[in-house]
Amino acid sequence: MPEDISDLIEKINQEGIRAAEEKARLIESAAQQKADAILNQAKIEVEEMISAAHERIRREDERERALLAQAGRDLLLTLREEINAMLKRIVVADTRQALTPEVISGLLTELIRNYSTAERTEVIVMVNGNDLELLEKHYLNRLRKETERDISLRQRGDIQGGFTISFDGGRSSYDFSDRALAEYIVSCLKPKLKKILQGEVED
């Protein structure tokens, strides 16, 4: 009998140990699975964070490139505007200097001679005050004689150089002022200037 009890106790102990070991294995397996799941989730989150960071960097880089490109375009536009304004000032000044009373008299002679009209109305020429005085003093009589037309010289305050001329008594006129001529000259120069600014002109 004592041996039977001893065997029973031994058997119970062995079964308890096996049960404990099995439970420990189950706990260890569950813990490992949970740890693996946590690691996998952490890996996914890290990859997502890295991907988001790369995307943010890419967007910032694109935004900076766009800002730099826009700044370059704005600078070029400002440069073109300043160069065009400077060109116009230079052309206006040179045109004004070139339109002396003698030159104006020659232009008027050719214009009036070559203007074909059935009407013989008064020809009205508008000039600035200084040119008016010199033209009346030195050129008006010769103009009338050479063109055989009734010519009237008048002062116009907004003309600094050149003249306007009307062949129909003032109902309409042609503008040969320094600014009008400069506008025409600049409009002819702008396409060439644009090519120069764009670097498209061949040496």
Foldseek 3Di string as FASTA:
>chain_A
DVVVVVVVVVVVVVVVVVVVVVVVVVVVVVVVVVVVVVVVVVVVVVVVVVVVVVVVVVVVVVVVVVVVVVVVVVVLVVVLVVVLVVLLVVQLVVLQVPQALVNLLVVLLVCLQPDDDPDQDEKEKEAADVSLVVCVVPPPVVSCVSNVHHYHYYYDHVASGHIWIDRHHPPDIHDPGSNVVSVVVSVVCVVVVVCVSVVNDDD
